[in-house]
Amino acid sequence: MLFRELNRGKCKTYLVACEETRDAVLVDPVKEKLERYLAILAYERLRLTAVIDTHTHADHRTASFDLRELVGATAIMHRRAPAPHIDRHVDDGDRIPLGAIEIEVLHTPGHTPDGISLHCRDRVLTGDTLMIRGTGRSDFAGGDPGEQYDAIFGKLFRLPDETLVYPAHDYRGNLCSTIGDEKRSNPRVAGRTREAYIELMNNLGLPLPDKIQECLQPNETALDDDRLRFPSLVELNKVRQRAARDVCEALQSPSPPFVLDVRETEEWSGELGHIPGSMLIPLKDLPARVGEIEAQKDREIVVVCRAGVRSTTGAAILIGLGFEHVANLKGGMLDWNDQRLAVDR
């Protein structure tokens, strides 16, 4: 197995390759390093078969969409990932083949709902769930410190103590740790109860990442279009959220809401289907096509996407355009399908 960290900075990108077949994957590639990755792959005579993001990043743009387009690599993320154009959605216990190597997926949410760790032979790539002498923050992008604690203790800390730990970020110059070292010496979790961990994480008082406005929503939407002004985090946080069952019941009422789906066209008729009676306007087209729903301005509008993230952006855009009765389908079509509610395909 060929294994290298490629960035030499606080944001980590890992190359994992099978030396027999020359198949390779890149984990958490950074858009600004795209040319470097292509050069290394060519120098090592490797074929990039997949790109994997361990979670939706808030401090840098992912290169996964570019690599998918340039070299035909399969884009892989957890099923809760909000972005479109993901070729394979994985969940806990899934295996990703790589020549003679197999990568095991561990669902390790908490920093984000779509967080995964990748266990491969003697090492585990922990994303931003578990860092070296730290853990990823859980105070935005749907984070949950309780889920993070459960993922660390229920999955990562059940790996053998000698398992090597490679996180997605490090701010102190560390290269690697082990599960045993983190059990004993990580000040965030060592000797701390679940309740104490939640209390700690809810009161860190950290500033938001410097590039969150430039990076988070573009990564969530796979959009890089100057015509679309992304709402601020303040605007996003003002969007009213409605649960799937609540929306389903409202659709049976005498005055049902108007359902607007902002996914891509291929998602509309894909595996998750769409809510019967809903209208499709992809997010990238919403500002230009808003006139098509002007007649619905006095009705409640429920905006829908895959995971409830892109649709929050869509709802905030509508509110900014003067629509007053707007809500978001929390959890998106994933929650709708998980509750076995009606869909059309």
Protein backbone atom coordinates (compact mmCIF):
# COMPACT_ATOMS: atom_id res chain seq x y z
CA MET A 1 0.00 0.00 0.00
CA LEU A 2 1.23 3.48 -0.92
CA PHE A 3 0.17 6.12 1.62
CA ARG A 4 1.13 9.80 1.65
CA GLU A 5 -0.12 13.10 3.04
CA LEU A 6 0.14 15.61 0.20
CA ASN A 7 -0.53 19.13 1.48
CA ARG A 8 2.05 19.69 4.25
CA GLY A 9 -0.28 22.16 5.94
CA LYS A 10 -3.14 22.34 8.41
CA CYS A 11 -5.61 20.86 5.87
CA LYS A 12 -4.68 17.25 5.17
CA THR A 13 -5.17 15.34 1.92
CA TYR A 14 -4.25 11.67 1.91
CA LEU A 15 -3.25 9.54 -1.06
CA VAL A 16 -3.99 5.82 -0.68
CA ALA A 17 -2.98 3.51 -3.52
CA CYS A 18 -2.59 -0.16 -4.32
CA GLU A 19 0.96 -0.74 -5.51
CA GLU A 20 -0.10 -3.86 -7.43
CA THR A 21 -2.88 -2.36 -9.58
CA ARG A 22 -1.82 1.34 -9.35
CA ASP A 23 -5.38 2.28 -8.39
CA ALA A 24 -5.54 5.31 -6.07
CA VAL A 25 -7.96 7.38 -4.02
CA LEU A 26 -7.56 10.91 -2.70
CA VAL A 27 -9.17 11.71 0.64
CA ASP A 28 -10.23 15.31 1.38
CA PRO A 29 -8.59 16.96 -1.66
CA VAL A 30 -8.27 20.77 -1.56
CA LYS A 31 -9.23 22.78 -4.65
CA GLU A 32 -6.16 25.04 -4.46
CA LYS A 33 -3.87 21.98 -4.66
CA LEU A 34 -5.47 20.44 -7.74
CA GLU A 35 -2.43 20.77 -10.03
CA ARG A 36 -0.18 19.28 -7.35
CA TYR A 37 -2.39 16.20 -7.05
CA LEU A 38 -2.47 15.64 -10.80
CA ALA A 39 1.32 15.94 -10.97
CA ILE A 40 1.86 13.44 -8.15
CA LEU A 41 -0.55 10.96 -9.70
CA ALA A 42 1.28 11.23 -13.02
CA TYR A 43 4.72 10.94 -11.40
CA GLU A 44 3.71 7.82 -9.46
CA ARG A 45 1.88 6.39 -12.51
CA LEU A 46 -1.32 6.01 -10.54
CA ARG A 47 -4.91 5.87 -11.79
CA LEU A 48 -7.27 7.92 -9.64
CA THR A 49 -10.38 5.80 -9.27
CA ALA A 50 -12.15 7.70 -6.46
CA VAL A 51 -12.18 10.88 -4.41
CA ILE A 52 -13.57 10.77 -0.88
CA ASP A 53 -14.56 13.67 1.35
CA THR A 54 -14.79 12.63 4.99
CA HIS A 55 -17.32 15.42 5.54
CA THR A 56 -18.56 18.71 4.07
CA HIS A 57 -15.72 21.14 4.67
CA ALA A 58 -16.19 24.70 5.94
CA ASP A 59 -12.67 26.14 5.67
CA HIS A 60 -11.60 25.15 2.15
CA ARG A 61 -13.12 24.26 -1.19
CA THR A 62 -13.08 20.59 -2.06
CA ALA A 63 -11.35 19.45 -5.25
CA SER A 64 -13.57 16.38 -5.53
CA PHE A 65 -15.93 17.90 -8.10
CA ASP A 66 -13.00 19.05 -10.27
CA LEU A 67 -11.28 15.65 -10.10
CA ARG A 68 -14.54 13.88 -10.90
CA GLU A 69 -14.89 16.00 -14.02
CA LEU A 70 -11.24 15.97 -15.10
CA VAL A 71 -10.29 12.32 -14.68
CA GLY A 72 -13.62 10.56 -14.18
CA ALA A 73 -12.93 9.63 -10.55
CA THR A 74 -15.91 8.36 -8.54
CA ALA A 75 -17.01 10.93 -5.94
CA ILE A 76 -17.79 9.25 -2.61
CA MET A 77 -19.39 10.74 0.51
CA HIS A 78 -21.73 9.64 3.29
CA ARG A 79 -25.43 9.34 2.43
CA ARG A 80 -26.13 12.44 4.56
CA ALA A 81 -23.82 14.59 2.44
CA PRO A 82 -25.88 17.46 0.99
CA ALA A 83 -23.99 18.02 -2.27
CA PRO A 84 -25.22 16.82 -5.67
CA HIS A 85 -23.05 14.90 -8.16
CA ILE A 86 -21.92 12.32 -5.59
CA ASP A 87 -21.57 9.03 -7.45
CA ARG A 88 -21.60 6.73 -4.45
CA HIS A 89 -23.19 7.38 -1.07
CA VAL A 90 -21.80 5.19 1.69
CA ASP A 91 -22.87 4.35 5.22
CA ASP A 92 -21.44 2.66 8.29
CA GLY A 93 -19.82 -0.69 7.53
CA ASP A 94 -19.60 -0.22 3.76
CA ARG A 95 -16.41 -1.29 1.98
CA ILE A 96 -14.61 0.66 -0.73
CA PRO A 97 -12.42 -1.61 -2.89
CA LEU A 98 -9.04 -0.30 -4.05
CA GLY A 99 -7.16 -2.96 -5.99
CA ALA A 100 -5.97 -5.47 -3.39
CA ILE A 101 -6.87 -3.04 -0.59
CA GLU A 102 -10.23 -2.57 1.11
CA ILE A 103 -11.28 0.57 2.97
CA GLU A 104 -13.94 0.25 5.67
CA VAL A 105 -16.34 3.15 6.21
CA LEU A 106 -17.22 4.18 9.77
CA HIS A 107 -20.03 6.73 10.15
CA THR A 108 -18.61 9.15 12.71
CA PRO A 109 -20.92 12.19 12.84
CA GLY A 110 -20.76 15.04 15.32
CA HIS A 111 -18.58 17.59 13.60
CA THR A 112 -21.08 17.33 10.72
CA PRO A 113 -23.95 14.88 10.11
CA ASP A 114 -22.13 13.37 7.12
CA GLY A 115 -18.83 12.70 8.89
CA ILE A 116 -17.07 9.43 8.14
CA SER A 117 -13.79 7.81 9.11
CA LEU A 118 -11.89 5.44 6.83
CA HIS A 119 -10.29 2.35 8.37
CA CYS A 120 -7.63 0.79 6.15
CA ARG A 121 -5.38 -1.96 7.51
CA ASP A 122 -3.30 -0.49 10.36
CA ARG A 123 -4.62 3.08 10.19
CA VAL A 124 -7.76 5.17 10.32
CA LEU A 125 -8.43 8.51 8.66
CA THR A 126 -10.66 10.23 11.20
CA GLY A 127 -11.81 13.32 9.30
CA ASP A 128 -12.60 16.09 11.78
CA THR A 129 -14.29 13.78 14.29
CA LEU A 130 -11.10 12.91 16.19
CA MET A 131 -7.97 15.01 15.87
CA ILE A 132 -4.55 14.63 17.46
CA ARG A 133 -5.07 15.84 21.02
CA GLY A 134 -8.37 17.40 20.05
CA THR A 135 -11.73 16.96 18.33
CA GLY A 136 -13.51 18.85 15.58
CA ARG A 137 -15.87 21.60 16.68
CA SER A 138 -19.59 20.82 16.64
CA ASP A 139 -21.21 24.25 16.83
CA PHE A 140 -22.28 24.78 13.20
CA ALA A 141 -23.26 22.89 10.00
CA GLY A 142 -25.52 20.52 11.91
CA GLY A 143 -22.89 19.41 14.40
CA ASP A 144 -23.84 17.47 17.53
CA PRO A 145 -21.38 16.92 20.41
CA GLY A 146 -23.33 13.96 21.77
CA GLU A 147 -23.15 12.16 18.44
CA GLN A 148 -19.46 13.00 18.25
CA TYR A 149 -18.75 11.52 21.68
CA ASP A 150 -20.67 8.36 20.73
CA ALA A 151 -18.72 8.06 17.46
CA ILE A 152 -15.37 8.46 19.18
CA PHE A 153 -16.02 6.04 22.02
CA GLY A 154 -18.39 3.67 20.23
CA LYS A 155 -16.43 3.26 16.99
CA LEU A 156 -12.97 4.83 16.87
CA PHE A 157 -11.89 3.85 20.38
CA ARG A 158 -12.98 0.26 19.71
CA LEU A 159 -10.21 -0.08 17.14
CA PRO A 160 -6.93 -1.65 18.36
CA ASP A 161 -4.81 0.74 20.43
CA GLU A 162 -1.95 0.52 17.93
CA THR A 163 -4.14 1.79 15.06
CA LEU A 164 -2.54 4.87 13.48
CA VAL A 165 -4.67 8.04 13.50
CA TYR A 166 -4.58 10.50 10.61
CA PRO A 167 -7.01 13.45 10.97
CA ALA A 168 -8.26 15.81 8.26
CA HIS A 169 -6.80 18.83 10.05
CA ASP A 170 -3.93 19.55 12.41
CA TYR A 171 -2.93 22.99 13.66
CA ARG A 172 0.14 22.04 15.74
CA GLY A 173 2.43 20.33 13.24
CA ASN A 174 1.49 16.76 14.25
CA LEU A 175 1.63 14.08 11.58
CA CYS A 176 0.16 11.01 13.24
CA SER A 177 -1.04 9.55 16.53
CA THR A 178 -2.53 6.24 17.67
CA ILE A 179 -5.88 5.27 19.08
CA GLY A 180 -4.21 4.27 22.34
CA ASP A 181 -2.44 7.63 22.68
CA GLU A 182 -5.68 9.51 22.07
CA LYS A 183 -7.54 7.40 24.63
CA ARG A 184 -4.94 8.27 27.23
CA SER A 185 -3.89 11.81 26.36
CA ASN A 186 -6.52 13.63 24.32
CA PRO A 187 -7.65 16.41 26.70
CA ARG A 188 -11.07 16.74 25.06
CA VAL A 189 -12.15 13.16 25.75
CA ALA A 190 -9.78 11.35 28.15
CA GLY A 191 -11.60 10.63 31.39
CA ARG A 192 -14.56 12.78 30.37
CA THR A 193 -18.20 11.68 30.56
CA ARG A 194 -20.61 12.21 27.69
CA GLU A 195 -22.41 14.96 29.62
CA ALA A 196 -19.14 16.72 30.43
CA TYR A 197 -18.04 16.51 26.80
CA ILE A 198 -21.30 18.06 25.58
CA GLU A 199 -20.92 20.86 28.13
CA LEU A 200 -17.34 21.49 27.02
CA MET A 201 -18.12 21.55 23.30
CA ASN A 202 -21.15 23.79 23.72
CA ASN A 203 -19.05 26.43 25.44
CA LEU A 204 -15.83 26.60 23.41
CA GLY A 205 -16.64 30.11 22.16
CA LEU A 206 -14.54 29.73 18.99
CA PRO A 207 -14.80 32.20 16.10
CA LEU A 208 -16.21 30.82 12.87
CA PRO A 209 -13.69 29.55 10.29
CA ASP A 210 -12.19 32.40 8.27
CA LYS A 211 -13.43 31.13 4.90
CA ILE A 212 -16.78 29.70 5.92
CA GLN A 213 -18.82 32.08 3.73
CA GLU A 214 -16.64 31.36 0.69
CA CYS A 215 -16.40 27.60 1.24
CA LEU A 216 -19.25 25.96 3.13
CA GLN A 217 -22.21 26.62 0.83
CA PRO A 218 -20.20 26.07 -2.39
CA ASN A 219 -19.15 22.68 -0.99
CA GLU A 220 -22.74 21.89 0.04
CA THR A 221 -24.15 22.82 -3.35
CA ALA A 222 -21.29 22.03 -5.79
CA LEU A 223 -21.96 25.47 -7.27
CA ASP A 224 -19.29 27.91 -8.34
CA ASP A 225 -21.33 30.60 -10.05
CA ASP A 226 -20.92 34.32 -9.45
CA ARG A 227 -24.56 34.86 -10.45
CA LEU A 228 -25.71 33.15 -7.24
CA ARG A 229 -25.21 35.15 -4.05
CA PHE A 230 -25.10 32.78 -1.14
CA PRO A 231 -27.00 33.94 1.96
CA SER A 232 -25.06 34.74 5.12
CA LEU A 233 -25.05 32.33 8.07
CA VAL A 234 -27.31 34.76 9.92
CA GLU A 235 -29.84 34.54 7.07
CA LEU A 236 -29.58 30.75 6.99
CA ASN A 237 -30.18 30.47 10.73
CA LYS A 238 -33.43 32.45 10.40
CA VAL A 239 -35.01 29.88 8.07
CA ARG A 240 -37.90 28.03 9.73
CA GLN A 241 -37.47 24.23 9.74
CA ARG A 242 -40.35 21.76 9.38
CA ALA A 243 -40.12 18.01 9.99
CA ALA A 244 -41.08 15.53 7.27
CA ARG A 245 -44.14 14.14 9.07
CA ASP A 246 -45.37 17.67 9.81
CA VAL A 247 -45.09 18.69 6.15
CA CYS A 248 -46.80 15.46 5.03
CA GLU A 249 -49.77 16.20 7.29
CA ALA A 250 -49.91 19.81 6.09
CA LEU A 251 -50.12 18.59 2.48
CA GLN A 252 -53.37 16.81 3.34
CA SER A 253 -54.95 19.96 4.79
CA PRO A 254 -57.44 22.24 2.99
CA SER A 255 -54.69 24.85 2.51
CA PRO A 256 -51.57 22.81 1.68
CA PRO A 257 -48.16 24.42 1.27
CA PHE A 258 -46.48 24.75 -2.11
CA VAL A 259 -43.47 22.44 -2.33
CA LEU A 260 -40.42 23.69 -4.23
CA ASP A 261 -37.61 21.20 -4.93
CA VAL A 262 -34.18 22.80 -5.57
CA ARG A 263 -32.18 19.67 -6.43
CA GLU A 264 -30.62 18.89 -9.78
CA THR A 265 -32.77 17.36 -12.54
CA GLU A 266 -31.18 13.91 -12.23
CA GLU A 267 -31.95 13.85 -8.49
CA TRP A 268 -35.61 14.69 -9.11
CA SER A 269 -36.16 11.33 -10.82
CA GLY A 270 -33.42 9.48 -8.93
CA GLU A 271 -33.48 6.96 -6.09
CA LEU A 272 -35.09 9.32 -3.56
CA GLY A 273 -37.78 10.50 -5.96
CA HIS A 274 -39.75 13.69 -5.26
CA ILE A 275 -42.78 14.75 -3.26
CA PRO A 276 -45.98 14.39 -5.31
CA GLY A 277 -47.15 17.76 -6.60
CA SER A 278 -43.83 19.51 -6.00
CA MET A 279 -42.14 21.77 -8.54
CA LEU A 280 -38.49 21.53 -9.59
CA ILE A 281 -36.30 24.62 -9.93
CA PRO A 282 -32.60 23.76 -9.41
CA LEU A 283 -30.91 26.01 -6.88
CA LYS A 284 -28.54 27.53 -9.43
CA ASP A 285 -31.54 28.72 -11.48
CA LEU A 286 -33.70 29.94 -8.60
CA PRO A 287 -32.96 33.70 -8.70
CA ALA A 288 -33.52 33.85 -12.48
CA ARG A 289 -36.71 31.77 -12.39
CA VAL A 290 -38.30 33.14 -9.23
CA GLY A 291 -41.02 34.75 -11.35
CA GLU A 292 -42.39 31.26 -12.02
CA ILE A 293 -43.52 30.99 -8.41
CA GLU A 294 -44.61 34.60 -7.91
CA ALA A 295 -48.23 33.43 -7.85
CA GLN A 296 -47.43 31.32 -4.74
CA LYS A 297 -46.22 34.29 -2.72
CA ASP A 298 -49.25 34.32 -0.39
CA ARG A 299 -48.99 30.55 0.31
CA GLU A 300 -46.51 28.83 2.56
CA ILE A 301 -43.63 27.53 0.47
CA VAL A 302 -41.68 24.49 1.71
CA VAL A 303 -38.28 24.16 0.04
CA VAL A 304 -36.84 20.66 -0.44
CA CYS A 305 -33.49 19.07 -1.33
CA ARG A 306 -31.61 15.87 -0.55
CA ALA A 307 -30.58 16.50 3.07
CA GLY A 308 -32.23 19.80 3.97
CA VAL A 309 -29.07 21.85 3.48
CA ARG A 310 -29.20 23.20 -0.07
CA SER A 311 -32.90 23.88 0.49
CA THR A 312 -32.07 26.04 3.51
CA THR A 313 -29.96 28.12 1.15
CA GLY A 314 -32.88 28.20 -1.30
CA ALA A 315 -35.33 29.22 1.40
CA ALA A 316 -33.05 32.04 2.56
CA ILE A 317 -32.76 33.25 -1.05
CA LEU A 318 -36.56 33.37 -1.37
CA ILE A 319 -36.90 35.27 1.89
CA GLY A 320 -34.33 37.76 0.62
CA LEU A 321 -36.43 38.18 -2.53
CA GLY A 322 -39.52 39.13 -0.54
CA PHE A 323 -41.24 35.79 0.05
CA GLU A 324 -42.54 35.91 3.61
CA HIS A 325 -44.01 32.44 4.20
CA VAL A 326 -41.08 30.11 3.59
CA ALA A 327 -39.94 27.01 5.46
CA ASN A 328 -37.38 24.26 4.89
CA LEU A 329 -37.97 20.51 4.88
CA LYS A 330 -35.63 19.45 7.69
CA GLY A 331 -33.60 16.41 6.70
CA GLY A 332 -34.81 16.71 3.11
CA MET A 333 -35.78 13.74 0.97
CA LEU A 334 -33.57 11.50 3.08
CA ASP A 335 -35.85 11.93 6.11
CA TRP A 336 -38.93 11.82 3.87
CA ASN A 337 -37.85 8.43 2.47
CA ASP A 338 -36.66 7.10 5.83
CA GLN A 339 -40.19 7.68 7.16
CA ARG A 340 -41.64 5.90 4.10
CA LEU A 341 -43.72 8.87 2.97
CA ALA A 342 -45.17 9.00 -0.54
CA VAL A 343 -42.87 9.83 -3.46
CA ASP A 344 -43.11 10.03 -7.23
CA ARG A 345 -40.28 9.03 -9.55
